[in-house]
Amino acid sequence: MQANVTILGREFAIACAEGDSRRLEDLARALEARLAHFSGDDDAMRRLVLAALSLLDETQATSAALMRARNEIERLSDMLVEARLEAAAAGEADDRGRVEALRAAQGAA
């Protein structure tokens, strides 16, 4: 299977797995749209380099944000586990106190 895409006026045939051609065509259109931001530059290679650099910049920023989000999720999960453990320990202490109070009340009666 192959996808036929056009980038900067040049056609490219790209081998791909079945079902991936639509995705590659969509990506090529997105790249063309991004390249339009650099339309003032007539050098095609320079435009591709600028688009690639901007895409890498976005990818790195997104990866960093994702890592911060994962760290925050881990921190909050740890806090939740600690809170549950503390609540369970407090509940056991309360139960022991109640049992002892019941025994004392039964002994007094």
Protein backbone atom coordinates (compact mmCIF):
# COMPACT_ATOMS: atom_id res chain seq x y z
CA MET A 1 0.00 0.00 0.00
CA GLN A 2 1.18 3.52 -0.56
CA ALA A 3 0.03 7.07 0.04
CA ASN A 4 0.51 9.79 -2.54
CA VAL A 5 1.12 13.16 -0.94
CA THR A 6 2.09 16.57 -2.24
CA ILE A 7 4.45 18.77 -0.26
CA LEU A 8 5.72 22.08 -1.62
CA GLY A 9 4.37 21.20 -5.05
CA ARG A 10 6.23 17.88 -5.24
CA GLU A 11 4.47 14.55 -5.22
CA PHE A 12 5.77 11.76 -3.03
CA ALA A 13 4.70 8.12 -2.99
CA ILE A 14 5.15 6.80 0.54
CA ALA A 15 4.92 3.10 1.31
CA CYS A 16 2.68 2.40 4.26
CA ALA A 17 0.60 -0.26 5.93
CA GLU A 18 -2.96 -0.74 4.82
CA GLY A 19 -5.17 1.81 6.50
CA ASP A 20 -2.32 4.28 7.09
CA SER A 21 -2.58 6.10 3.77
CA ARG A 22 -5.39 8.37 4.98
CA ARG A 23 -3.35 9.32 8.06
CA LEU A 24 -0.27 10.12 5.94
CA GLU A 25 -2.37 12.23 3.58
CA ASP A 26 -3.81 14.13 6.56
CA LEU A 27 -0.31 14.66 7.97
CA ALA A 28 0.91 15.94 4.59
CA ARG A 29 -1.96 18.45 4.48
CA ALA A 30 -1.11 19.58 8.02
CA LEU A 31 2.54 19.99 7.01
CA GLU A 32 1.52 22.00 3.95
CA ALA A 33 -0.57 24.26 6.18
CA ARG A 34 2.39 24.73 8.51
CA LEU A 35 4.70 25.46 5.59
CA ALA A 36 2.33 28.23 4.52
CA HIS A 37 3.43 30.13 7.64
CA PHE A 38 6.89 30.37 6.04
CA SER A 39 5.64 31.32 2.57
CA GLY A 40 7.77 34.47 2.44
CA ASP A 41 10.83 32.27 1.98
CA ASP A 42 11.22 30.90 -1.55
CA ASP A 43 13.80 28.27 -0.58
CA ALA A 44 11.81 25.03 -0.15
CA MET A 45 14.46 23.31 1.95
CA ARG A 46 14.68 26.27 4.32
CA ARG A 47 10.88 26.24 4.70
CA LEU A 48 10.96 22.51 5.50
CA VAL A 49 13.71 23.05 8.06
CA LEU A 50 11.77 25.89 9.71
CA ALA A 51 8.60 23.78 9.81
CA ALA A 52 10.51 20.80 11.22
CA LEU A 53 12.09 22.97 13.93
CA SER A 54 8.72 24.42 14.93
CA LEU A 55 7.21 20.91 15.08
CA LEU A 56 10.09 19.65 17.22
CA ASP A 57 9.70 22.65 19.51
CA GLU A 58 6.00 21.89 19.97
CA THR A 59 6.74 18.21 20.54
CA GLN A 60 9.31 18.96 23.24
CA ALA A 61 7.01 21.45 24.97
CA THR A 62 4.15 18.93 24.88
CA SER A 63 6.41 16.17 26.22
CA ALA A 64 7.56 18.39 29.08
CA ALA A 65 3.96 19.30 29.95
CA LEU A 66 2.99 15.63 29.85
CA MET A 67 5.86 14.73 32.18
CA ARG A 68 4.78 17.46 34.62
CA ALA A 69 1.21 16.15 34.50
CA ARG A 70 2.38 12.58 35.14
CA ASN A 71 4.46 13.74 38.09
CA GLU A 72 1.49 15.63 39.51
CA ILE A 73 -0.77 12.59 39.09
CA GLU A 74 1.80 10.45 40.89
CA ARG A 75 2.10 12.99 43.70
CA LEU A 76 -1.67 13.20 44.12
CA SER A 77 -2.00 9.40 44.01
CA ASP A 78 0.61 9.11 46.76
CA MET A 79 -1.28 11.67 48.84
CA LEU A 80 -4.53 9.73 48.35
CA VAL A 81 -2.94 6.45 49.44
CA GLU A 82 -1.44 8.12 52.52
CA ALA A 83 -4.80 9.68 53.41
CA ARG A 84 -6.55 6.31 53.06
CA LEU A 85 -3.94 4.61 55.23
CA GLU A 86 -4.26 7.31 57.88
CA ALA A 87 -8.05 7.06 57.78
CA ALA A 88 -7.89 3.28 58.11
CA ALA A 89 -5.47 3.53 61.04
CA ALA A 90 -7.68 6.14 62.73
CA GLY A 91 -10.72 3.94 62.16
CA GLU A 92 -9.03 0.97 63.82
CA ALA A 93 -8.07 3.11 66.80
CA ASP A 94 -11.66 4.38 67.09
CA ASP A 95 -13.00 0.82 66.93
CA ARG A 96 -10.65 -0.33 69.71
CA GLY A 97 -11.74 2.59 71.84
CA ARG A 98 -15.42 1.80 71.27
CA VAL A 99 -14.95 -1.87 72.14
CA GLU A 100 -13.17 -0.96 75.35
CA ALA A 101 -15.92 1.54 76.23
CA LEU A 102 -18.59 -1.13 75.64
CA ARG A 103 -16.73 -3.62 77.83
CA ALA A 104 -16.38 -1.04 80.57
CA ALA A 105 -20.08 -0.19 80.32
CA GLN A 106 -21.08 -3.87 80.45
CA GLY A 107 -18.82 -4.45 83.43
CA ALA A 108 -20.36 -1.54 85.29
CA ALA A 109 -23.90 -2.75 84.60
